[in-house]
Amino acid sequence: MNAAGSKRVAITGASGYVGSALARRFERDGWTVTGFSRSAAGEVRFRLGEDVDPDAFRSRRIDALVHTAYDFTPVDWKDIRHVNVVGSQKLLAAAKAGGASRMVVLSSISAFRGCRSLYGRAKLEIEEAASDAGAAVVRPGLVFVDSGEQAGGMYGSLLRSARASLVPMIDGGAHCQYLIHVDDLYTLISGLCSGRIAAPDHPFTAASPRCWTMRELVGALALKQGARPRFVSVPWRVVWLGLKAAETARLRRGYRSDSVLSLVHQDPRPDFSTLHKLGVTPREFSA
């Protein structure tokens, strides 16, 4: 850390759902936060895939980097890899050259050996780059927040869909979601950034081990909002083909065909033991 106990952290994706929630908590705890974002007014303008100047870290005397950014715009593997994997390599190299002594990279529970989604494959390659750079790699589950805090990402999408009168469910909503509260994720990440928690030498899952099926989860979110939707089962291949056709026609939809693969072809045996060993016990999601 810098002199006089100052703590300085850079967060990529600082305008996104998880990045902004983490930034608020770091600031609450006395850290100086520098946001790296495509829309970072007055901070560091950052776009994955482009070169990063180490002086962005050095001149601000940044102690730690939290890398949450991921660009979902590219749809073919060549562009995904160039933007997200090579872009992450450039970022980590710049942070290391600029004096950031600790780095934490947020991967995904969708990343595991044998994963079929392009998102999972890209995250696996980012994990390798992070390990080579000496960064800690965290695979968070679905990040949820308390009522009253702005919900975004997949959790926000599920909240909105739960208010509808009719909710389509891929394969009847049988597929699992593993959740982690943003405060528990922050406890873990801030501990890694400060050195209070020793970084494992391997990627690890950060989520409660309880499987919430999508039907259970959306039902619980509907209950929270006083809604009573009717669920309709849709075969995953039908959804995947429809989204794939829209993407081929360059029509943008809120959900991607690759996300269907992540949902349907999950890690059959996620390992939650490392999180327990680190002393972080995530709270259970509750209706």
C-alpha atoms as a PDB file:
ATOM      1  CA  MET A   1       0.000   0.000   0.000  1.00  0.00           C
ATOM      2  CA  ASN A   2       0.992   3.626  -0.401  1.00  0.00           C
ATOM      3  CA  ALA A   3       2.261   5.793   2.404  1.00  0.00           C
ATOM      4  CA  ALA A   4       0.024   6.790   5.327  1.00  0.00           C
ATOM      5  CA  GLY A   5      -2.201   3.761   4.753  1.00  0.00           C
ATOM      6  CA  SER A   6      -3.757   5.082   1.551  1.00  0.00           C
ATOM      7  CA  LYS A   7      -5.452   2.438  -0.571  1.00  0.00           C
ATOM      8  CA  ARG A   8      -5.915   2.918  -4.308  1.00  0.00           C
ATOM      9  CA  VAL A   9      -7.768   0.523  -6.587  1.00  0.00           C
ATOM     10  CA  ALA A  10      -8.488   0.576 -10.314  1.00  0.00           C
ATOM     11  CA  ILE A  11     -11.695  -1.110 -11.476  1.00  0.00           C
ATOM     12  CA  THR A  12     -12.387  -1.942 -15.113  1.00  0.00           C
ATOM     13  CA  GLY A  13     -16.011  -2.017 -16.161  1.00  0.00           C
ATOM     14  CA  ALA A  14     -16.614   0.575 -13.441  1.00  0.00           C
ATOM     15  CA  SER A  15     -19.831   1.771 -15.087  1.00  0.00           C
ATOM     16  CA  GLY A  16     -21.278  -1.740 -15.278  1.00  0.00           C
ATOM     17  CA  TYR A  17     -23.522  -3.531 -12.811  1.00  0.00           C
ATOM     18  CA  VAL A  18     -20.906  -5.463 -10.805  1.00  0.00           C
ATOM     19  CA  GLY A  19     -18.068  -2.980 -11.324  1.00  0.00           C
ATOM     20  CA  SER A  20     -20.086   0.003 -10.109  1.00  0.00           C
ATOM     21  CA  ALA A  21     -21.430  -1.909  -7.090  1.00  0.00           C
ATOM     22  CA  LEU A  22     -17.888  -2.883  -6.094  1.00  0.00           C
ATOM     23  CA  ALA A  23     -16.633   0.686  -6.650  1.00  0.00           C
ATOM     24  CA  ARG A  24     -19.247   2.069  -4.247  1.00  0.00           C
ATOM     25  CA  ARG A  25     -18.198  -0.367  -1.559  1.00  0.00           C
ATOM     26  CA  PHE A  26     -14.478   0.310  -2.000  1.00  0.00           C
ATOM     27  CA  GLU A  27     -15.170   4.053  -1.679  1.00  0.00           C
ATOM     28  CA  ARG A  28     -17.307   3.459   1.413  1.00  0.00           C
ATOM     29  CA  ASP A  29     -14.351   1.657   3.000  1.00  0.00           C
ATOM     30  CA  GLY A  30     -11.904   4.483   2.322  1.00  0.00           C
ATOM     31  CA  TRP A  31     -10.280   3.350  -0.902  1.00  0.00           C
ATOM     32  CA  THR A  32      -9.517   5.795  -3.694  1.00  0.00           C
ATOM     33  CA  VAL A  33     -11.203   4.287  -6.748  1.00  0.00           C
ATOM     34  CA  THR A  34     -10.157   4.936 -10.338  1.00  0.00           C
ATOM     35  CA  GLY A  35     -12.709   3.732 -12.854  1.00  0.00           C
ATOM     36  CA  PHE A  36     -11.468   2.311 -16.159  1.00  0.00           C
ATOM     37  CA  SER A  37     -14.418   2.526 -18.534  1.00  0.00           C
ATOM     38  CA  ARG A  38     -15.446   3.452 -22.057  1.00  0.00           C
ATOM     39  CA  SER A  39     -17.526   6.260 -20.532  1.00  0.00           C
ATOM     40  CA  ALA A  40     -15.281   7.207 -17.610  1.00  0.00           C
ATOM     41  CA  ALA A  41     -15.595  10.986 -17.508  1.00  0.00           C
ATOM     42  CA  GLY A  42     -12.619  12.420 -15.644  1.00  0.00           C
ATOM     43  CA  GLU A  43     -11.104   9.001 -14.970  1.00  0.00           C
ATOM     44  CA  VAL A  44      -9.378   6.578 -17.363  1.00  0.00           C
ATOM     45  CA  ARG A  45     -10.975   5.999 -20.728  1.00  0.00           C
ATOM     46  CA  PHE A  46     -10.514   2.320 -21.412  1.00  0.00           C
ATOM     47  CA  ARG A  47     -11.640  -0.030 -24.152  1.00  0.00           C
ATOM     48  CA  LEU A  48     -10.825  -3.723 -24.090  1.00  0.00           C
ATOM     49  CA  GLY A  49      -8.559  -4.732 -26.961  1.00  0.00           C
ATOM     50  CA  GLU A  50      -6.728  -1.405 -27.154  1.00  0.00           C
ATOM     51  CA  ASP A  51      -3.278  -0.653 -25.754  1.00  0.00           C
ATOM     52  CA  VAL A  52      -3.086   0.477 -22.125  1.00  0.00           C
ATOM     53  CA  ASP A  53      -0.434   2.924 -20.902  1.00  0.00           C
ATOM     54  CA  PRO A  54       1.261   1.733 -17.676  1.00  0.00           C
ATOM     55  CA  ASP A  55       1.379   5.376 -16.599  1.00  0.00           C
ATOM     56  CA  ALA A  56      -2.386   5.220 -16.057  1.00  0.00           C
ATOM     57  CA  PHE A  57      -1.494   3.097 -13.024  1.00  0.00           C
ATOM     58  CA  ARG A  58       1.873   4.599 -12.131  1.00  0.00           C
ATOM     59  CA  SER A  59       0.790   8.243 -12.105  1.00  0.00           C
ATOM     60  CA  ARG A  60      -2.163   7.451  -9.828  1.00  0.00           C
ATOM     61  CA  ARG A  61      -0.066   5.224  -7.533  1.00  0.00           C
ATOM     62  CA  ILE A  62      -2.590   2.418  -7.876  1.00  0.00           C
ATOM     63  CA  ASP A  63      -2.098  -0.486  -5.501  1.00  0.00           C
ATOM     64  CA  ALA A  64      -4.611  -2.989  -6.874  1.00  0.00           C
ATOM     65  CA  LEU A  65      -6.540  -3.779 -10.037  1.00  0.00           C
ATOM     66  CA  VAL A  66      -9.990  -5.408 -10.171  1.00  0.00           C
ATOM     67  CA  HIS A  67     -10.786  -6.477 -13.730  1.00  0.00           C
ATOM     68  CA  THR A  68     -14.546  -6.925 -14.253  1.00  0.00           C
ATOM     69  CA  ALA A  69     -14.877  -5.689 -17.846  1.00  0.00           C
ATOM     70  CA  TYR A  70     -15.994  -7.967 -20.660  1.00  0.00           C
ATOM     71  CA  ASP A  71     -17.213  -6.845 -24.088  1.00  0.00           C
ATOM     72  CA  PHE A  72     -20.222  -8.851 -25.339  1.00  0.00           C
ATOM     73  CA  THR A  73     -20.394  -6.980 -28.664  1.00  0.00           C
ATOM     74  CA  PRO A  74     -18.206  -9.372 -30.724  1.00  0.00           C
ATOM     75  CA  VAL A  75     -19.988 -12.581 -31.755  1.00  0.00           C
ATOM     76  CA  ASP A  76     -17.364 -14.591 -33.666  1.00  0.00           C
ATOM     77  CA  TRP A  77     -14.435 -16.247 -31.922  1.00  0.00           C
ATOM     78  CA  LYS A  78     -11.664 -14.283 -33.651  1.00  0.00           C
ATOM     79  CA  ASP A  79     -13.097 -10.936 -32.544  1.00  0.00           C
ATOM     80  CA  ILE A  80     -14.065 -12.210 -29.077  1.00  0.00           C
ATOM     81  CA  ARG A  81     -10.523 -13.406 -28.498  1.00  0.00           C
ATOM     82  CA  HIS A  82      -8.888 -10.235 -29.831  1.00  0.00           C
ATOM     83  CA  VAL A  83     -11.032  -7.902 -27.745  1.00  0.00           C
ATOM     84  CA  ASN A  84     -11.454  -9.811 -24.506  1.00  0.00           C
ATOM     85  CA  VAL A  85      -8.499 -12.179 -24.215  1.00  0.00           C
ATOM     86  CA  VAL A  86      -5.755 -10.110 -25.865  1.00  0.00           C
ATOM     87  CA  GLY A  87      -7.276  -6.974 -24.340  1.00  0.00           C
ATOM     88  CA  SER A  88      -7.055  -8.494 -20.865  1.00  0.00           C
ATOM     89  CA  GLN A  89      -3.442  -9.503 -21.493  1.00  0.00           C
ATOM     90  CA  LYS A  90      -2.592  -5.903 -22.420  1.00  0.00           C
ATOM     91  CA  LEU A  91      -4.375  -4.570 -19.342  1.00  0.00           C
ATOM     92  CA  LEU A  92      -2.647  -6.949 -16.920  1.00  0.00           C
ATOM     93  CA  ALA A  93       0.776  -6.252 -18.420  1.00  0.00           C
ATOM     94  CA  ALA A  94       0.206  -2.496 -18.094  1.00  0.00           C
ATOM     95  CA  ALA A  95      -1.013  -2.817 -14.493  1.00  0.00           C
ATOM     96  CA  LYS A  96       2.014  -4.885 -13.549  1.00  0.00           C
ATOM     97  CA  ALA A  97       4.418  -2.490 -15.300  1.00  0.00           C
ATOM     98  CA  GLY A  98       2.638   0.450 -13.648  1.00  0.00           C
ATOM     99  CA  GLY A  99       3.211  -0.870 -10.133  1.00  0.00           C
ATOM    100  CA  ALA A 100      -0.126  -2.464  -9.188  1.00  0.00           C
ATOM    101  CA  SER A 101       1.010  -5.021  -6.627  1.00  0.00           C
ATOM    102  CA  ARG A 102      -2.213  -7.026  -6.498  1.00  0.00           C
ATOM    103  CA  MET A 103      -4.636  -7.942  -9.273  1.00  0.00           C
ATOM    104  CA  VAL A 104      -7.993  -9.697  -9.170  1.00  0.00           C
ATOM    105  CA  VAL A 105      -9.692 -10.913 -12.342  1.00  0.00           C
ATOM    106  CA  LEU A 106     -13.396 -11.754 -12.357  1.00  0.00           C
ATOM    107  CA  SER A 107     -13.994 -14.782 -14.522  1.00  0.00           C
ATOM    108  CA  SER A 108     -17.280 -16.712 -14.522  1.00  0.00           C
ATOM    109  CA  ILE A 109     -18.822 -19.893 -13.191  1.00  0.00           C
ATOM    110  CA  SER A 110     -19.417 -20.599 -16.901  1.00  0.00           C
ATOM    111  CA  ALA A 111     -15.662 -21.127 -17.344  1.00  0.00           C
ATOM    112  CA  PHE A 112     -14.542 -24.722 -16.822  1.00  0.00           C
ATOM    113  CA  ARG A 113     -12.684 -27.401 -18.744  1.00  0.00           C
ATOM    114  CA  GLY A 114     -14.983 -28.700 -21.454  1.00  0.00           C
ATOM    115  CA  CYS A 115     -17.323 -25.673 -21.497  1.00  0.00           C
ATOM    116  CA  ARG A 116     -19.093 -25.193 -24.817  1.00  0.00           C
ATOM    117  CA  SER A 117     -19.913 -21.489 -24.852  1.00  0.00           C
ATOM    118  CA  LEU A 118     -17.559 -18.994 -26.482  1.00  0.00           C
ATOM    119  CA  TYR A 119     -17.933 -16.853 -23.355  1.00  0.00           C
ATOM    120  CA  GLY A 120     -16.662 -19.680 -21.171  1.00  0.00           C
ATOM    121  CA  ARG A 121     -13.803 -20.424 -23.554  1.00  0.00           C
ATOM    122  CA  ALA A 122     -12.744 -16.759 -23.596  1.00  0.00           C
ATOM    123  CA  LYS A 123     -12.877 -16.598 -19.805  1.00  0.00           C
ATOM    124  CA  LEU A 124     -10.685 -19.706 -19.588  1.00  0.00           C
ATOM    125  CA  GLU A 125      -8.035 -18.033 -21.750  1.00  0.00           C
ATOM    126  CA  ILE A 126      -8.317 -14.853 -19.667  1.00  0.00           C
ATOM    127  CA  GLU A 127      -7.796 -16.997 -16.563  1.00  0.00           C
ATOM    128  CA  GLU A 128      -4.577 -18.382 -18.036  1.00  0.00           C
ATOM    129  CA  ALA A 129      -3.328 -14.871 -18.806  1.00  0.00           C
ATOM    130  CA  ALA A 130      -4.245 -13.773 -15.279  1.00  0.00           C
ATOM    131  CA  SER A 131      -2.390 -16.692 -13.697  1.00  0.00           C
ATOM    132  CA  ASP A 132       0.670 -15.942 -15.828  1.00  0.00           C
ATOM    133  CA  ALA A 133       0.543 -12.330 -14.562  1.00  0.00           C
ATOM    134  CA  GLY A 134       0.206 -13.401 -10.916  1.00  0.00           C
ATOM    135  CA  ALA A 135      -3.429 -12.283 -10.557  1.00  0.00           C
ATOM    136  CA  ALA A 136      -6.079 -13.959  -8.422  1.00  0.00           C
ATOM    137  CA  VAL A 137      -8.947 -15.428 -10.458  1.00  0.00           C
ATOM    138  CA  VAL A 138     -12.491 -15.469  -9.064  1.00  0.00           C
ATOM    139  CA  ARG A 139     -15.393 -17.269 -10.739  1.00  0.00           C
ATOM    140  CA  PRO A 140     -18.507 -15.580  -9.303  1.00  0.00           C
ATOM    141  CA  GLY A 141     -21.962 -17.008  -9.671  1.00  0.00           C
ATOM    142  CA  LEU A 142     -25.008 -14.859 -10.350  1.00  0.00           C
ATOM    143  CA  VAL A 143     -24.497 -11.638  -8.364  1.00  0.00           C
ATOM    144  CA  PHE A 144     -27.601 -10.424  -6.524  1.00  0.00           C
ATOM    145  CA  VAL A 145     -28.326  -7.319  -4.469  1.00  0.00           C
ATOM    146  CA  ASP A 146     -30.814  -6.325  -1.781  1.00  0.00           C
ATOM    147  CA  SER A 147     -34.108  -4.668  -2.618  1.00  0.00           C
ATOM    148  CA  GLY A 148     -33.576  -0.941  -3.044  1.00  0.00           C
ATOM    149  CA  GLU A 149     -30.182  -1.230  -4.743  1.00  0.00           C
ATOM    150  CA  GLN A 150     -30.001  -0.889  -8.510  1.00  0.00           C
ATOM    151  CA  ALA A 151     -30.035  -4.376 -10.028  1.00  0.00           C
ATOM    152  CA  GLY A 152     -28.477  -5.017 -13.401  1.00  0.00           C
ATOM    153  CA  GLY A 153     -26.871  -7.763 -15.417  1.00  0.00           C
ATOM    154  CA  MET A 154     -28.534 -11.149 -15.496  1.00  0.00           C
ATOM    155  CA  TYR A 155     -30.087 -10.582 -12.060  1.00  0.00           C
ATOM    156  CA  GLY A 156     -31.783  -7.393 -13.224  1.00  0.00           C
ATOM    157  CA  SER A 157     -33.071  -9.138 -16.345  1.00  0.00           C
ATOM    158  CA  LEU A 158     -34.584 -11.918 -14.242  1.00  0.00           C
ATOM    159  CA  LEU A 159     -36.208  -9.374 -11.918  1.00  0.00           C
ATOM    160  CA  ARG A 160     -37.873  -7.675 -14.873  1.00  0.00           C
ATOM    161  CA  SER A 161     -38.985 -10.931 -16.494  1.00  0.00           C
ATOM    162  CA  ALA A 162     -40.543 -12.087 -13.210  1.00  0.00           C
ATOM    163  CA  ARG A 163     -43.041  -9.199 -13.422  1.00  0.00           C
ATOM    164  CA  ALA A 164     -44.515 -10.471 -16.689  1.00  0.00           C
ATOM    165  CA  SER A 165     -47.764 -12.428 -16.772  1.00  0.00           C
ATOM    166  CA  LEU A 166     -46.216 -15.102 -19.003  1.00  0.00           C
ATOM    167  CA  VAL A 167     -42.584 -16.201 -18.608  1.00  0.00           C
ATOM    168  CA  PRO A 168     -40.949 -18.609 -21.102  1.00  0.00           C
ATOM    169  CA  MET A 169     -38.616 -21.082 -19.380  1.00  0.00           C
ATOM    170  CA  ILE A 170     -35.823 -22.865 -21.221  1.00  0.00           C
ATOM    171  CA  ASP A 171     -36.364 -26.607 -20.635  1.00  0.00           C
ATOM    172  CA  GLY A 172     -38.979 -25.766 -18.038  1.00  0.00           C
ATOM    173  CA  GLY A 173     -36.492 -23.796 -15.943  1.00  0.00           C
ATOM    174  CA  ALA A 174     -34.647 -26.914 -14.780  1.00  0.00           C
ATOM    175  CA  HIS A 175     -31.112 -25.552 -15.057  1.00  0.00           C
ATOM    176  CA  CYS A 176     -29.180 -24.383 -11.977  1.00  0.00           C
ATOM    177  CA  GLN A 177     -28.108 -20.934 -10.897  1.00  0.00           C
ATOM    178  CA  TYR A 178     -25.593 -20.467  -8.078  1.00  0.00           C
ATOM    179  CA  LEU A 179     -25.796 -17.057  -6.422  1.00  0.00           C
ATOM    180  CA  ILE A 180     -23.585 -14.717  -4.436  1.00  0.00           C
ATOM    181  CA  HIS A 181     -24.570 -11.483  -2.720  1.00  0.00           C
ATOM    182  CA  VAL A 182     -22.578  -8.478  -3.897  1.00  0.00           C
ATOM    183  CA  ASP A 183     -21.456  -7.721  -0.309  1.00  0.00           C
ATOM    184  CA  ASP A 184     -19.957 -11.207   0.041  1.00  0.00           C
ATOM    185  CA  LEU A 185     -18.237 -10.841  -3.326  1.00  0.00           C
ATOM    186  CA  TYR A 186     -16.871  -7.489  -2.167  1.00  0.00           C
ATOM    187  CA  THR A 187     -15.599  -8.993   1.104  1.00  0.00           C
ATOM    188  CA  LEU A 188     -13.672 -11.543  -0.926  1.00  0.00           C
ATOM    189  CA  ILE A 189     -12.290  -9.132  -3.536  1.00  0.00           C
ATOM    190  CA  SER A 190     -11.330  -6.378  -1.096  1.00  0.00           C
ATOM    191  CA  GLY A 191      -9.589  -8.996   1.036  1.00  0.00           C
ATOM    192  CA  LEU A 192      -7.569 -10.132  -1.970  1.00  0.00           C
ATOM    193  CA  CYS A 193      -6.749  -6.516  -2.891  1.00  0.00           C
ATOM    194  CA  SER A 194      -5.585  -5.614   0.621  1.00  0.00           C
ATOM    195  CA  GLY A 195      -3.688  -8.855   1.212  1.00  0.00           C
ATOM    196  CA  ARG A 196      -5.965  -9.791   4.110  1.00  0.00           C
ATOM    197  CA  ILE A 197      -6.949 -12.887   2.123  1.00  0.00           C
ATOM    198  CA  ALA A 198      -4.143 -14.902   0.556  1.00  0.00           C
ATOM    199  CA  ALA A 199      -4.734 -15.417  -3.161  1.00  0.00           C
ATOM    200  CA  PRO A 200      -5.138 -19.077  -4.183  1.00  0.00           C
ATOM    201  CA  ASP A 201      -2.927 -20.285  -7.015  1.00  0.00           C
ATOM    202  CA  HIS A 202      -5.919 -21.475  -9.060  1.00  0.00           C
ATOM    203  CA  PRO A 203      -9.279 -20.107 -10.266  1.00  0.00           C
ATOM    204  CA  PHE A 204     -12.040 -20.693  -7.720  1.00  0.00           C
ATOM    205  CA  THR A 205     -15.822 -20.465  -7.568  1.00  0.00           C
ATOM    206  CA  ALA A 206     -17.436 -17.733  -5.465  1.00  0.00           C
ATOM    207  CA  ALA A 207     -21.089 -18.596  -4.823  1.00  0.00           C
ATOM    208  CA  SER A 208     -23.367 -20.356  -2.409  1.00  0.00           C
ATOM    209  CA  PRO A 209     -23.453 -24.096  -3.185  1.00  0.00           C
ATOM    210  CA  ARG A 210     -27.256 -24.255  -3.279  1.00  0.00           C
ATOM    211  CA  CYS A 211     -28.667 -24.869  -6.746  1.00  0.00           C
ATOM    212  CA  TRP A 212     -31.607 -22.614  -7.518  1.00  0.00           C
ATOM    213  CA  THR A 213     -33.333 -23.827 -10.653  1.00  0.00           C
ATOM    214  CA  MET A 214     -34.327 -21.000 -12.961  1.00  0.00           C
ATOM    215  CA  ARG A 215     -37.984 -21.735 -12.266  1.00  0.00           C
ATOM    216  CA  GLU A 216     -37.418 -21.553  -8.496  1.00  0.00           C
ATOM    217  CA  LEU A 217     -35.385 -18.376  -8.823  1.00  0.00           C
ATOM    218  CA  VAL A 218     -37.778 -16.497 -11.089  1.00  0.00           C
ATOM    219  CA  GLY A 219     -40.658 -17.678  -8.909  1.00  0.00           C
ATOM    220  CA  ALA A 220     -38.927 -16.254  -5.844  1.00  0.00           C
ATOM    221  CA  LEU A 221     -38.251 -12.963  -7.634  1.00  0.00           C
ATOM    222  CA  ALA A 222     -41.900 -12.786  -8.670  1.00  0.00           C
ATOM    223  CA  LEU A 223     -42.943 -13.346  -5.053  1.00  0.00           C
ATOM    224  CA  LYS A 224     -40.679 -10.480  -3.949  1.00  0.00           C
ATOM    225  CA  GLN A 225     -42.554  -8.177  -6.332  1.00  0.00           C
ATOM    226  CA  GLY A 226     -46.055  -9.464  -5.701  1.00  0.00           C
ATOM    227  CA  ALA A 227     -46.328 -11.025  -9.164  1.00  0.00           C
ATOM    228  CA  ARG A 228     -47.832 -14.385 -10.131  1.00  0.00           C
ATOM    229  CA  PRO A 229     -46.504 -15.268 -13.607  1.00  0.00           C
ATOM    230  CA  ARG A 230     -47.410 -18.348 -15.609  1.00  0.00           C
ATOM    231  CA  PHE A 231     -44.420 -20.365 -16.823  1.00  0.00           C
ATOM    232  CA  VAL A 232     -44.200 -21.917 -20.283  1.00  0.00           C
ATOM    233  CA  SER A 233     -41.503 -24.466 -21.112  1.00  0.00           C
ATOM    234  CA  VAL A 234     -39.525 -23.958 -24.330  1.00  0.00           C
ATOM    235  CA  PRO A 235     -36.905 -26.454 -25.630  1.00  0.00           C
ATOM    236  CA  TRP A 236     -33.442 -24.926 -25.457  1.00  0.00           C
ATOM    237  CA  ARG A 237     -32.608 -25.748 -29.082  1.00  0.00           C
ATOM    238  CA  VAL A 238     -35.606 -23.750 -30.296  1.00  0.00           C
ATOM    239  CA  VAL A 239     -34.437 -20.704 -28.317  1.00  0.00           C
ATOM    240  CA  TRP A 240     -30.830 -21.162 -29.397  1.00  0.00           C
ATOM    241  CA  LEU A 241     -31.742 -21.478 -33.096  1.00  0.00           C
ATOM    242  CA  GLY A 242     -33.996 -18.410 -32.974  1.00  0.00           C
ATOM    243  CA  LEU A 243     -31.315 -16.274 -31.347  1.00  0.00           C
ATOM    244  CA  LYS A 244     -28.645 -17.635 -33.698  1.00  0.00           C
ATOM    245  CA  ALA A 245     -30.773 -16.712 -36.711  1.00  0.00           C
ATOM    246  CA  ALA A 246     -31.291 -13.194 -35.344  1.00  0.00           C
ATOM    247  CA  GLU A 247     -27.533 -12.814 -34.790  1.00  0.00           C
ATOM    248  CA  THR A 248     -26.811 -14.036 -38.326  1.00  0.00           C
ATOM    249  CA  ALA A 249     -29.193 -11.368 -39.580  1.00  0.00           C
ATOM    250  CA  ARG A 250     -27.369  -8.857 -37.344  1.00  0.00           C
ATOM    251  CA  LEU A 251     -30.462  -8.244 -35.246  1.00  0.00           C
ATOM    252  CA  ARG A 252     -29.587  -7.369 -31.658  1.00  0.00           C
ATOM    253  CA  ARG A 253     -31.512  -9.073 -28.887  1.00  0.00           C
ATOM    254  CA  GLY A 254     -31.172  -8.747 -25.125  1.00  0.00           C
ATOM    255  CA  TYR A 255     -30.229 -12.424 -24.816  1.00  0.00           C
ATOM    256  CA  ARG A 256     -27.526 -14.165 -26.831  1.00  0.00           C
ATOM    257  CA  SER A 257     -27.423 -17.667 -28.299  1.00  0.00           C
ATOM    258  CA  ASP A 258     -24.109 -18.200 -26.531  1.00  0.00           C
ATOM    259  CA  SER A 259     -25.808 -17.490 -23.187  1.00  0.00           C
ATOM    260  CA  VAL A 260     -28.173 -20.393 -23.863  1.00  0.00           C
ATOM    261  CA  LEU A 261     -25.164 -22.698 -24.208  1.00  0.00           C
ATOM    262  CA  SER A 262     -23.764 -21.377 -20.920  1.00  0.00           C
ATOM    263  CA  LEU A 263     -27.080 -22.091 -19.192  1.00  0.00           C
ATOM    264  CA  VAL A 264     -27.689 -25.544 -20.647  1.00  0.00           C
ATOM    265  CA  HIS A 265     -24.128 -26.890 -20.637  1.00  0.00           C
ATOM    266  CA  GLN A 266     -23.021 -26.029 -17.108  1.00  0.00           C
ATOM    267  CA  ASP A 267     -20.125 -27.237 -15.017  1.00  0.00           C
ATOM    268  CA  PRO A 268     -21.510 -30.521 -13.638  1.00  0.00           C
ATOM    269  CA  ARG A 269     -19.345 -30.325 -10.510  1.00  0.00           C
ATOM    270  CA  PRO A 270     -18.539 -26.736  -9.446  1.00  0.00           C
ATOM    271  CA  ASP A 271     -16.098 -26.688  -6.525  1.00  0.00           C
ATOM    272  CA  PHE A 272     -17.081 -24.434  -3.630  1.00  0.00           C
ATOM    273  CA  SER A 273     -14.437 -25.673  -1.183  1.00  0.00           C
ATOM    274  CA  THR A 274     -11.818 -22.958  -1.794  1.00  0.00           C
ATOM    275  CA  LEU A 275     -14.198 -20.167  -0.807  1.00  0.00           C
ATOM    276  CA  HIS A 276     -14.866 -21.916   2.495  1.00  0.00           C
ATOM    277  CA  LYS A 277     -11.124 -22.319   3.126  1.00  0.00           C
ATOM    278  CA  LEU A 278     -10.662 -18.577   2.563  1.00  0.00           C
ATOM    279  CA  GLY A 279     -13.120 -17.861   5.381  1.00  0.00           C
ATOM    280  CA  VAL A 280     -15.899 -16.408   3.230  1.00  0.00           C
ATOM    281  CA  THR A 281     -19.333 -17.937   3.778  1.00  0.00           C
ATOM    282  CA  PRO A 282     -21.789 -16.487   1.239  1.00  0.00           C
ATOM    283  CA  ARG A 283     -25.301 -15.850   2.496  1.00  0.00           C
ATOM    284  CA  GLU A 284     -28.181 -17.740   0.937  1.00  0.00           C
ATOM    285  CA  PHE A 285     -30.502 -16.049  -1.489  1.00  0.00           C
ATOM    286  CA  SER A 286     -34.008 -15.880  -0.060  1.00  0.00           C
ATOM    287  CA  ALA A 287     -37.462 -14.972  -1.284  1.00  0.00           C
END
